[in-house]
Amino acid sequence: MKILILSLLIGILLGSFKIIPNKYLKLNSKFQLFALILLLFSMGISIGSNKEMFNSINTLGLQAISFSIMTIIFSTLVLYLITNLFFNTKEFQKEDTEK
């Protein structure tokens, strides 16, 4: 767990001090998308290969579905709020189009 938090903090520091040039930020965005797809794919393999878990999906019930939906909604809401409060997305988009 410490390595995950340390990695995140190093990334935040690199991003805040603009150590990484803008041309690599687009590459970072593509890398994030690829990593997310790979993570979802590997999770699907794990669920599909675990017969007990796969068979119990029908019995998880309304509580598990509601918890998942609420997690998605609130994660999206928090991300939207943080992005609008701490990042000037219009300025970042303007810099992107100028280059």
PDB file of N, CA and C in Angstrom:
ATOM      1  N   MET A   1       0.824  -1.194   0.000  1.00  0.00           N
ATOM      2  CA  MET A   1       0.000   0.000   0.000  1.00  0.00           C
ATOM      3  C   MET A   1       0.868   1.258   0.000  1.00  0.00           C
ATOM      4  N   LYS A   2       2.012   1.197   0.680  1.00  0.00           N
ATOM      5  CA  LYS A   2       2.894   2.367   0.747  1.00  0.00           C
ATOM      6  C   LYS A   2       3.406   2.745  -0.640  1.00  0.00           C
ATOM      7  N   ILE A   3       3.702   1.737  -1.465  1.00  0.00           N
ATOM      8  CA  ILE A   3       4.219   2.027  -2.807  1.00  0.00           C
ATOM      9  C   ILE A   3       3.166   2.720  -3.667  1.00  0.00           C
ATOM     10  N   LEU A   4       1.891   2.374  -3.457  1.00  0.00           N
ATOM     11  CA  LEU A   4       0.820   3.019  -4.219  1.00  0.00           C
ATOM     12  C   LEU A   4       0.699   4.494  -3.848  1.00  0.00           C
ATOM     13  N   ILE A   5       0.713   4.768  -2.558  1.00  0.00           N
ATOM     14  CA  ILE A   5       0.601   6.157  -2.099  1.00  0.00           C
ATOM     15  C   ILE A   5       1.831   6.958  -2.509  1.00  0.00           C
ATOM     16  N   LEU A   6       3.008   6.357  -2.391  1.00  0.00           N
ATOM     17  CA  LEU A   6       4.240   7.033  -2.795  1.00  0.00           C
ATOM     18  C   LEU A   6       4.226   7.349  -4.292  1.00  0.00           C
ATOM     19  N   SER A   7       3.766   6.403  -5.106  1.00  0.00           N
ATOM     20  CA  SER A   7       3.682   6.629  -6.555  1.00  0.00           C
ATOM     21  C   SER A   7       2.744   7.787  -6.873  1.00  0.00           C
ATOM     22  N   LEU A   8       1.603   7.808  -6.184  1.00  0.00           N
ATOM     23  CA  LEU A   8       0.640   8.884  -6.399  1.00  0.00           C
ATOM     24  C   LEU A   8       1.233  10.235  -6.013  1.00  0.00           C
ATOM     25  N   LEU A   9       1.907  10.288  -4.867  1.00  0.00           N
ATOM     26  CA  LEU A   9       2.505  11.548  -4.417  1.00  0.00           C
ATOM     27  C   LEU A   9       3.603  12.037  -5.363  1.00  0.00           C
ATOM     28  N   ILE A  10       4.414  11.119  -5.871  1.00  0.00           N
ATOM     29  CA  ILE A  10       5.453  11.510  -6.834  1.00  0.00           C
ATOM     30  C   ILE A  10       4.809  12.054  -8.099  1.00  0.00           C
ATOM     31  N   GLY A  11       3.741  11.408  -8.554  1.00  0.00           N
ATOM     32  CA  GLY A  11       3.027  11.901  -9.728  1.00  0.00           C
ATOM     33  C   GLY A  11       2.436  13.280  -9.521  1.00  0.00           C
ATOM     34  N   ILE A  12       1.887  13.503  -8.340  1.00  0.00           N
ATOM     35  CA  ILE A  12       1.318  14.814  -8.023  1.00  0.00           C
ATOM     36  C   ILE A  12       2.412  15.886  -8.032  1.00  0.00           C
ATOM     37  N   LEU A  13       3.552  15.567  -7.440  1.00  0.00           N
ATOM     38  CA  LEU A  13       4.659  16.531  -7.419  1.00  0.00           C
ATOM     39  C   LEU A  13       5.158  16.833  -8.833  1.00  0.00           C
ATOM     40  N   LEU A  14       5.326  15.783  -9.653  1.00  0.00           N
ATOM     41  CA  LEU A  14       5.776  15.998 -11.027  1.00  0.00           C
ATOM     42  C   LEU A  14       4.778  16.851 -11.802  1.00  0.00           C
ATOM     43  N   GLY A  15       3.491  16.600 -11.584  1.00  0.00           N
ATOM     44  CA  GLY A  15       2.457  17.371 -12.268  1.00  0.00           C
ATOM     45  C   GLY A  15       2.370  18.801 -11.789  1.00  0.00           C
ATOM     46  N   SER A  16       2.504  19.010 -10.466  1.00  0.00           N
ATOM     47  CA  SER A  16       2.375  20.380  -9.962  1.00  0.00           C
ATOM     48  C   SER A  16       3.509  21.287 -10.348  1.00  0.00           C
ATOM     49  N   PHE A  17       4.699  20.745 -10.436  1.00  0.00           N
ATOM     50  CA  PHE A  17       5.838  21.569 -10.814  1.00  0.00           C
ATOM     51  C   PHE A  17       6.079  21.584 -12.323  1.00  0.00           C
ATOM     52  N   LYS A  18       5.151  20.991 -13.060  1.00  0.00           N
ATOM     53  CA  LYS A  18       5.193  20.969 -14.533  1.00  0.00           C
ATOM     54  C   LYS A  18       6.554  20.513 -15.052  1.00  0.00           C
ATOM     55  N   ILE A  19       7.051  19.436 -14.444  1.00  0.00           N
ATOM     56  CA  ILE A  19       8.336  18.866 -14.846  1.00  0.00           C
ATOM     57  C   ILE A  19       8.197  18.129 -16.179  1.00  0.00           C
ATOM     58  N   ILE A  20       7.029  17.555 -16.396  1.00  0.00           N
ATOM     59  CA  ILE A  20       6.787  16.803 -17.625  1.00  0.00           C
ATOM     60  C   ILE A  20       6.237  17.752 -18.690  1.00  0.00           C
ATOM     61  N   PRO A  21       6.852  17.794 -19.868  1.00  0.00           N
ATOM     62  CA  PRO A  21       6.365  18.690 -20.940  1.00  0.00           C
ATOM     63  C   PRO A  21       4.952  18.327 -21.396  1.00  0.00           C
ATOM     64  N   ASN A  22       4.234  19.327 -21.917  1.00  0.00           N
ATOM     65  CA  ASN A  22       2.849  19.138 -22.350  1.00  0.00           C
ATOM     66  C   ASN A  22       2.700  18.067 -23.420  1.00  0.00           C
ATOM     67  N   LYS A  23       3.705  17.906 -24.288  1.00  0.00           N
ATOM     68  CA  LYS A  23       3.562  16.919 -25.362  1.00  0.00           C
ATOM     69  C   LYS A  23       3.483  15.498 -24.795  1.00  0.00           C
ATOM     70  N   TYR A  24       4.047  15.280 -23.596  1.00  0.00           N
ATOM     71  CA  TYR A  24       3.978  13.960 -22.985  1.00  0.00           C
ATOM     72  C   TYR A  24       2.689  13.748 -22.194  1.00  0.00           C
ATOM     73  N   LEU A  25       1.965  14.823 -21.903  1.00  0.00           N
ATOM     74  CA  LEU A  25       0.706  14.681 -21.176  1.00  0.00           C
ATOM     75  C   LEU A  25      -0.329  13.937 -22.012  1.00  0.00           C
ATOM     76  N   LYS A  26      -0.341  14.167 -23.322  1.00  0.00           N
ATOM     77  CA  LYS A  26      -1.264  13.420 -24.189  1.00  0.00           C
ATOM     78  C   LYS A  26      -0.908  11.940 -24.172  1.00  0.00           C
ATOM     79  N   LEU A  27       0.380  11.644 -24.190  1.00  0.00           N
ATOM     80  CA  LEU A  27       0.831  10.259 -24.124  1.00  0.00           C
ATOM     81  C   LEU A  27       0.428   9.638 -22.788  1.00  0.00           C
ATOM     82  N   ASN A  28       0.526  10.407 -21.714  1.00  0.00           N
ATOM     83  CA  ASN A  28       0.116   9.932 -20.398  1.00  0.00           C
ATOM     84  C   ASN A  28      -1.372   9.609 -20.379  1.00  0.00           C
ATOM     85  N   SER A  29      -2.175  10.438 -21.026  1.00  0.00           N
ATOM     86  CA  SER A  29      -3.614  10.206 -21.090  1.00  0.00           C
ATOM     87  C   SER A  29      -3.917   8.887 -21.812  1.00  0.00           C
ATOM     88  N   LYS A  30      -3.218   8.635 -22.899  1.00  0.00           N
ATOM     89  CA  LYS A  30      -3.419   7.380 -23.633  1.00  0.00           C
ATOM     90  C   LYS A  30      -2.962   6.193 -22.800  1.00  0.00           C
ATOM     91  N   PHE A  31      -1.865   6.355 -22.063  1.00  0.00           N
ATOM     92  CA  PHE A  31      -1.368   5.299 -21.199  1.00  0.00           C
ATOM     93  C   PHE A  31      -2.383   4.973 -20.102  1.00  0.00           C
ATOM     94  N   GLN A  32      -3.004   6.006 -19.526  1.00  0.00           N
ATOM     95  CA  GLN A  32      -4.007   5.795 -18.486  1.00  0.00           C
ATOM     96  C   GLN A  32      -5.189   5.001 -19.025  1.00  0.00           C
ATOM     97  N   LEU A  33      -5.641   5.352 -20.227  1.00  0.00           N
ATOM     98  CA  LEU A  33      -6.760   4.637 -20.834  1.00  0.00           C
ATOM     99  C   LEU A  33      -6.397   3.172 -21.063  1.00  0.00           C
ATOM    100  N   PHE A  34      -5.206   2.922 -21.594  1.00  0.00           N
ATOM    101  CA  PHE A  34      -4.762   1.555 -21.839  1.00  0.00           C
ATOM    102  C   PHE A  34      -4.670   0.765 -20.528  1.00  0.00           C
ATOM    103  N   ALA A  35      -4.127   1.393 -19.479  1.00  0.00           N
ATOM    104  CA  ALA A  35      -3.998   0.724 -18.187  1.00  0.00           C
ATOM    105  C   ALA A  35      -5.372   0.402 -17.590  1.00  0.00           C
ATOM    106  N   LEU A  36      -6.322   1.307 -17.757  1.00  0.00           N
ATOM    107  CA  LEU A  36      -7.672   1.075 -17.250  1.00  0.00           C
ATOM    108  C   LEU A  36      -8.332  -0.092 -17.982  1.00  0.00           C
ATOM    109  N   ILE A  37      -8.179  -0.129 -19.301  1.00  0.00           N
ATOM    110  CA  ILE A  37      -8.745  -1.228 -20.084  1.00  0.00           C
ATOM    111  C   ILE A  37      -8.107  -2.549 -19.666  1.00  0.00           C
ATOM    112  N   LEU A  38      -6.795  -2.556 -19.481  1.00  0.00           N
ATOM    113  CA  LEU A  38      -6.099  -3.767 -19.059  1.00  0.00           C
ATOM    114  C   LEU A  38      -6.562  -4.213 -17.666  1.00  0.00           C
ATOM    115  N   LEU A  39      -6.766  -3.262 -16.758  1.00  0.00           N
ATOM    116  CA  LEU A  39      -7.247  -3.580 -15.416  1.00  0.00           C
ATOM    117  C   LEU A  39      -8.640  -4.205 -15.470  1.00  0.00           C
ATOM    118  N   LEU A  40      -9.551  -3.606 -16.231  1.00  0.00           N
ATOM    119  CA  LEU A  40     -10.903  -4.149 -16.348  1.00  0.00           C
ATOM    120  C   LEU A  40     -10.899  -5.532 -16.985  1.00  0.00           C
ATOM    121  N   PHE A  41     -10.053  -5.705 -17.990  1.00  0.00           N
ATOM    122  CA  PHE A  41      -9.935  -7.000 -18.656  1.00  0.00           C
ATOM    123  C   PHE A  41      -9.451  -8.070 -17.674  1.00  0.00           C
ATOM    124  N   SER A  42      -8.421  -7.747 -16.893  1.00  0.00           N
ATOM    125  CA  SER A  42      -7.887  -8.732 -15.940  1.00  0.00           C
ATOM    126  C   SER A  42      -8.890  -9.024 -14.824  1.00  0.00           C
ATOM    127  N   MET A  43      -9.653  -8.022 -14.399  1.00  0.00           N
ATOM    128  CA  MET A  43     -10.696  -8.261 -13.402  1.00  0.00           C
ATOM    129  C   MET A  43     -11.776  -9.175 -13.966  1.00  0.00           C
ATOM    130  N   GLY A  44     -12.127  -8.987 -15.236  1.00  0.00           N
ATOM    131  CA  GLY A  44     -13.104  -9.853 -15.883  1.00  0.00           C
ATOM    132  C   GLY A  44     -12.617 -11.285 -15.948  1.00  0.00           C
ATOM    133  N   ILE A  45     -11.346 -11.472 -16.243  1.00  0.00           N
ATOM    134  CA  ILE A  45     -10.773 -12.827 -16.266  1.00  0.00           C
ATOM    135  C   ILE A  45     -10.854 -13.461 -14.877  1.00  0.00           C
ATOM    136  N   SER A  46     -10.514 -12.683 -13.849  1.00  0.00           N
ATOM    137  CA  SER A  46     -10.569 -13.208 -12.477  1.00  0.00           C
ATOM    138  C   SER A  46     -11.991 -13.612 -12.093  1.00  0.00           C
ATOM    139  N   ILE A  47     -12.965 -12.779 -12.412  1.00  0.00           N
ATOM    140  CA  ILE A  47     -14.360 -13.093 -12.092  1.00  0.00           C
ATOM    141  C   ILE A  47     -14.825 -14.309 -12.883  1.00  0.00           C
ATOM    142  N   GLY A  48     -14.491 -14.336 -14.167  1.00  0.00           N
ATOM    143  CA  GLY A  48     -14.921 -15.446 -15.015  1.00  0.00           C
ATOM    144  C   GLY A  48     -14.283 -16.769 -14.639  1.00  0.00           C
ATOM    145  N   SER A  49     -13.053 -16.751 -14.158  1.00  0.00           N
ATOM    146  CA  SER A  49     -12.368 -18.004 -13.812  1.00  0.00           C
ATOM    147  C   SER A  49     -12.745 -18.519 -12.428  1.00  0.00           C
ATOM    148  N   ASN A  50     -13.288 -17.664 -11.590  1.00  0.00           N
ATOM    149  CA  ASN A  50     -13.719 -18.073 -10.253  1.00  0.00           C
ATOM    150  C   ASN A  50     -15.189 -18.509 -10.335  1.00  0.00           C
ATOM    151  N   LYS A  51     -15.419 -19.810 -10.478  1.00  0.00           N
ATOM    152  CA  LYS A  51     -16.781 -20.340 -10.682  1.00  0.00           C
ATOM    153  C   LYS A  51     -17.709 -19.979  -9.529  1.00  0.00           C
ATOM    154  N   GLU A  52     -17.186 -20.020  -8.299  1.00  0.00           N
ATOM    155  CA  GLU A  52     -18.023 -19.707  -7.145  1.00  0.00           C
ATOM    156  C   GLU A  52     -18.519 -18.261  -7.210  1.00  0.00           C
ATOM    157  N   MET A  53     -17.628 -17.343  -7.543  1.00  0.00           N
ATOM    158  CA  MET A  53     -18.014 -15.931  -7.646  1.00  0.00           C
ATOM    159  C   MET A  53     -18.948 -15.712  -8.830  1.00  0.00           C
ATOM    160  N   PHE A  54     -18.629 -16.349  -9.945  1.00  0.00           N
ATOM    161  CA  PHE A  54     -19.434 -16.182 -11.157  1.00  0.00           C
ATOM    162  C   PHE A  54     -20.857 -16.685 -10.929  1.00  0.00           C
ATOM    163  N   ASN A  55     -20.992 -17.803 -10.222  1.00  0.00           N
ATOM    164  CA  ASN A  55     -22.323 -18.364  -9.957  1.00  0.00           C
ATOM    165  C   ASN A  55     -23.091 -17.572  -8.912  1.00  0.00           C
ATOM    166  N   SER A  56     -22.393 -16.859  -8.041  1.00  0.00           N
ATOM    167  CA  SER A  56     -23.082 -16.120  -6.986  1.00  0.00           C
ATOM    168  C   SER A  56     -23.476 -14.705  -7.413  1.00  0.00           C
ATOM    169  N   ILE A  57     -23.168 -14.320  -8.643  1.00  0.00           N
ATOM    170  CA  ILE A  57     -23.533 -12.972  -9.104  1.00  0.00           C
ATOM    171  C   ILE A  57     -25.039 -12.755  -9.017  1.00  0.00           C
ATOM    172  N   ASN A  58     -25.821 -13.792  -9.335  1.00  0.00           N
ATOM    173  CA  ASN A  58     -27.283 -13.659  -9.284  1.00  0.00           C
ATOM    174  C   ASN A  58     -27.800 -13.460  -7.870  1.00  0.00           C
ATOM    175  N   THR A  59     -27.066 -13.941  -6.859  1.00  0.00           N
ATOM    176  CA  THR A  59     -27.552 -13.852  -5.481  1.00  0.00           C
ATOM    177  C   THR A  59     -27.013 -12.636  -4.732  1.00  0.00           C
ATOM    178  N   LEU A  60     -26.240 -11.813  -5.380  1.00  0.00           N
ATOM    179  CA  LEU A  60     -25.683 -10.645  -4.677  1.00  0.00           C
ATOM    180  C   LEU A  60     -26.772  -9.666  -4.262  1.00  0.00           C
ATOM    181  N   GLY A  61     -27.775  -9.535  -5.069  1.00  0.00           N
ATOM    182  CA  GLY A  61     -28.940  -8.765  -4.670  1.00  0.00           C
ATOM    183  C   GLY A  61     -28.879  -7.285  -4.950  1.00  0.00           C
ATOM    184  N   LEU A  62     -29.961  -6.645  -4.589  1.00  0.00           N
ATOM    185  CA  LEU A  62     -30.170  -5.222  -4.840  1.00  0.00           C
ATOM    186  C   LEU A  62     -29.178  -4.359  -4.073  1.00  0.00           C
ATOM    187  N   GLN A  63     -28.767  -4.784  -2.897  1.00  0.00           N
ATOM    188  CA  GLN A  63     -27.846  -3.994  -2.084  1.00  0.00           C
ATOM    189  C   GLN A  63     -26.497  -3.817  -2.785  1.00  0.00           C
ATOM    190  N   ALA A  64     -25.967  -4.878  -3.376  1.00  0.00           N
ATOM    191  CA  ALA A  64     -24.685  -4.791  -4.071  1.00  0.00           C
ATOM    192  C   ALA A  64     -24.788  -3.903  -5.308  1.00  0.00           C
ATOM    193  N   ILE A  65     -25.884  -4.031  -6.029  1.00  0.00           N
ATOM    194  CA  ILE A  65     -26.077  -3.211  -7.230  1.00  0.00           C
ATOM    195  C   ILE A  65     -26.195  -1.738  -6.844  1.00  0.00           C
ATOM    196  N   SER A  66     -26.998  -1.451  -5.769  1.00  0.00           N
ATOM    197  CA  SER A  66     -27.137  -0.054  -5.355  1.00  0.00           C
ATOM    198  C   SER A  66     -25.827   0.529  -4.860  1.00  0.00           C
ATOM    199  N   PHE A  67     -25.054  -0.275  -4.128  1.00  0.00           N
ATOM    200  CA  PHE A  67     -23.751   0.195  -3.655  1.00  0.00           C
ATOM    201  C   PHE A  67     -22.845   0.529  -4.841  1.00  0.00           C
ATOM    202  N   SER A  68     -22.842  -0.307  -5.855  1.00  0.00           N
ATOM    203  CA  SER A  68     -22.013  -0.063  -7.048  1.00  0.00           C
ATOM    204  C   SER A  68     -22.439   1.208  -7.769  1.00  0.00           C
ATOM    205  N   ILE A  69     -23.726   1.361  -7.952  1.00  0.00           N
ATOM    206  CA  ILE A  69     -24.241   2.545  -8.658  1.00  0.00           C
ATOM    207  C   ILE A  69     -23.927   3.823  -7.879  1.00  0.00           C
ATOM    208  N   MET A  70     -24.122   3.784  -6.551  1.00  0.00           N
ATOM    209  CA  MET A  70     -23.830   4.971  -5.741  1.00  0.00           C
ATOM    210  C   MET A  70     -22.343   5.303  -5.757  1.00  0.00           C
ATOM    211  N   THR A  71     -21.492   4.279  -5.760  1.00  0.00           N
ATOM    212  CA  THR A  71     -20.050   4.505  -5.831  1.00  0.00           C
ATOM    213  C   THR A  71     -19.687   5.201  -7.132  1.00  0.00           C
ATOM    214  N   ILE A  72     -20.247   4.739  -8.230  1.00  0.00           N
ATOM    215  CA  ILE A  72     -19.973   5.345  -9.531  1.00  0.00           C
ATOM    216  C   ILE A  72     -20.454   6.797  -9.565  1.00  0.00           C
ATOM    217  N   ILE A  73     -21.663   7.032  -9.084  1.00  0.00           N
ATOM    218  CA  ILE A  73     -22.236   8.388  -9.111  1.00  0.00           C
ATOM    219  C   ILE A  73     -21.395   9.346  -8.266  1.00  0.00           C
ATOM    220  N   PHE A  74     -21.065   8.954  -7.032  1.00  0.00           N
ATOM    221  CA  PHE A  74     -20.327   9.861  -6.152  1.00  0.00           C
ATOM    222  C   PHE A  74     -18.872  10.030  -6.579  1.00  0.00           C
ATOM    223  N   SER A  75     -18.270   8.992  -7.138  1.00  0.00           N
ATOM    224  CA  SER A  75     -16.896   9.138  -7.655  1.00  0.00           C
ATOM    225  C   SER A  75     -16.874  10.144  -8.797  1.00  0.00           C
ATOM    226  N   THR A  76     -17.841  10.035  -9.687  1.00  0.00           N
ATOM    227  CA  THR A  76     -17.928  10.967 -10.812  1.00  0.00           C
ATOM    228  C   THR A  76     -18.183  12.386 -10.323  1.00  0.00           C
ATOM    229  N   LEU A  77     -19.060  12.535  -9.360  1.00  0.00           N
ATOM    230  CA  LEU A  77     -19.378  13.857  -8.808  1.00  0.00           C
ATOM    231  C   LEU A  77     -18.155  14.485  -8.134  1.00  0.00           C
ATOM    232  N   VAL A  78     -17.441  13.721  -7.326  1.00  0.00           N
ATOM    233  CA  VAL A  78     -16.253  14.238  -6.647  1.00  0.00           C
ATOM    234  C   VAL A  78     -15.177  14.614  -7.654  1.00  0.00           C
ATOM    235  N   LEU A  79     -14.970  13.770  -8.661  1.00  0.00           N
ATOM    236  CA  LEU A  79     -13.990  14.077  -9.701  1.00  0.00           C
ATOM    237  C   LEU A  79     -14.357  15.363 -10.434  1.00  0.00           C
ATOM    238  N   TYR A  80     -15.633  15.541 -10.754  1.00  0.00           N
ATOM    239  CA  TYR A  80     -16.100  16.758 -11.422  1.00  0.00           C
ATOM    240  C   TYR A  80     -15.844  17.986 -10.549  1.00  0.00           C
ATOM    241  N   LEU A  81     -16.181  17.879  -9.268  1.00  0.00           N
ATOM    242  CA  LEU A  81     -15.988  19.015  -8.362  1.00  0.00           C
ATOM    243  C   LEU A  81     -14.505  19.352  -8.192  1.00  0.00           C
ATOM    244  N   ILE A  82     -13.675  18.345  -8.010  1.00  0.00           N
ATOM    245  CA  ILE A  82     -12.234  18.588  -7.838  1.00  0.00           C
ATOM    246  C   ILE A  82     -11.653  19.210  -9.099  1.00  0.00           C
ATOM    247  N   THR A  83     -12.049  18.704 -10.253  1.00  0.00           N
ATOM    248  CA  THR A  83     -11.545  19.246 -11.512  1.00  0.00           C
ATOM    249  C   THR A  83     -11.923  20.708 -11.667  1.00  0.00           C
ATOM    250  N   ASN A  84     -13.169  21.052 -11.355  1.00  0.00           N
ATOM    251  CA  ASN A  84     -13.617  22.438 -11.511  1.00  0.00           C
ATOM    252  C   ASN A  84     -13.066  23.368 -10.446  1.00  0.00           C
ATOM    253  N   LEU A  85     -12.811  22.849  -9.249  1.00  0.00           N
ATOM    254  CA  LEU A  85     -12.299  23.709  -8.185  1.00  0.00           C
ATOM    255  C   LEU A  85     -10.800  23.958  -8.287  1.00  0.00           C
ATOM    256  N   PHE A  86     -10.036  22.932  -8.657  1.00  0.00           N
ATOM    257  CA  PHE A  86      -8.587  23.033  -8.574  1.00  0.00           C
ATOM    258  C   PHE A  86      -7.871  23.171  -9.916  1.00  0.00           C
ATOM    259  N   PHE A  87      -8.540  22.871 -10.991  1.00  0.00           N
ATOM    260  CA  PHE A  87      -7.886  22.936 -12.295  1.00  0.00           C
ATOM    261  C   PHE A  87      -8.635  23.910 -13.192  1.00  0.00           C
ATOM    262  N   ASN A  88      -7.867  24.748 -13.862  1.00  0.00           N
ATOM    263  CA  ASN A  88      -8.457  25.666 -14.817  1.00  0.00           C
ATOM    264  C   ASN A  88      -8.450  24.959 -16.174  1.00  0.00           C
ATOM    265  N   THR A  89      -9.514  24.212 -16.453  1.00  0.00           N
ATOM    266  CA  THR A  89      -9.536  23.386 -17.663  1.00  0.00           C
ATOM    267  C   THR A  89      -9.568  24.241 -18.930  1.00  0.00           C
ATOM    268  N   LYS A  90     -10.155  25.420 -18.866  1.00  0.00           N
ATOM    269  CA  LYS A  90     -10.192  26.273 -20.053  1.00  0.00           C
ATOM    270  C   LYS A  90      -8.783  26.738 -20.424  1.00  0.00           C
ATOM    271  N   GLU A  91      -7.985  27.072 -19.418  1.00  0.00           N
ATOM    272  CA  GLU A  91      -6.608  27.500 -19.672  1.00  0.00           C
ATOM    273  C   GLU A  91      -5.785  26.342 -20.228  1.00  0.00           C
ATOM    274  N   PHE A  92      -5.992  25.136 -19.690  1.00  0.00           N
ATOM    275  CA  PHE A  92      -5.259  23.957 -20.159  1.00  0.00           C
ATOM    276  C   PHE A  92      -5.644  23.636 -21.602  1.00  0.00           C
ATOM    277  N   GLN A  93      -6.937  23.751 -21.936  1.00  0.00           N
ATOM    278  CA  GLN A  93      -7.383  23.501 -23.301  1.00  0.00           C
ATOM    279  C   GLN A  93      -6.824  24.558 -24.252  1.00  0.00           C
ATOM    280  N   LYS A  94      -6.724  25.806 -23.784  1.00  0.00           N
ATOM    281  CA  LYS A  94      -6.181  26.877 -24.615  1.00  0.00           C
ATOM    282  C   LYS A  94      -4.716  26.615 -24.921  1.00  0.00           C
ATOM    283  N   GLU A  95      -3.938  26.182 -23.918  1.00  0.00           N
ATOM    284  CA  GLU A  95      -2.529  25.857 -24.129  1.00  0.00           C
ATOM    285  C   GLU A  95      -2.384  24.697 -25.103  1.00  0.00           C
ATOM    286  N   ASP A  96      -3.293  23.730 -25.016  1.00  0.00           N
ATOM    287  CA  ASP A  96      -3.259  22.560 -25.881  1.00  0.00           C
ATOM    288  C   ASP A  96      -3.481  22.947 -27.347  1.00  0.00           C
ATOM    289  N   THR A  97      -4.407  23.866 -27.602  1.00  0.00           N
ATOM    290  CA  THR A  97      -4.720  24.239 -28.982  1.00  0.00           C
ATOM    291  C   THR A  97      -3.657  25.154 -29.579  1.00  0.00           C
ATOM    292  N   GLU A  98      -2.939  25.870 -28.724  1.00  0.00           N
ATOM    293  CA  GLU A  98      -1.888  26.770 -29.237  1.00  0.00           C
ATOM    294  C   GLU A  98      -0.674  25.989 -29.738  1.00  0.00           C
ATOM    295  N   LYS A  99      -0.463  24.796 -29.219  1.00  0.00           N
ATOM    296  CA  LYS A  99       0.745  24.038 -29.571  1.00  0.00           C
ATOM    297  C   LYS A  99       0.488  23.025 -30.635  1.00  0.00           C
TER     298      LYS A  99
END
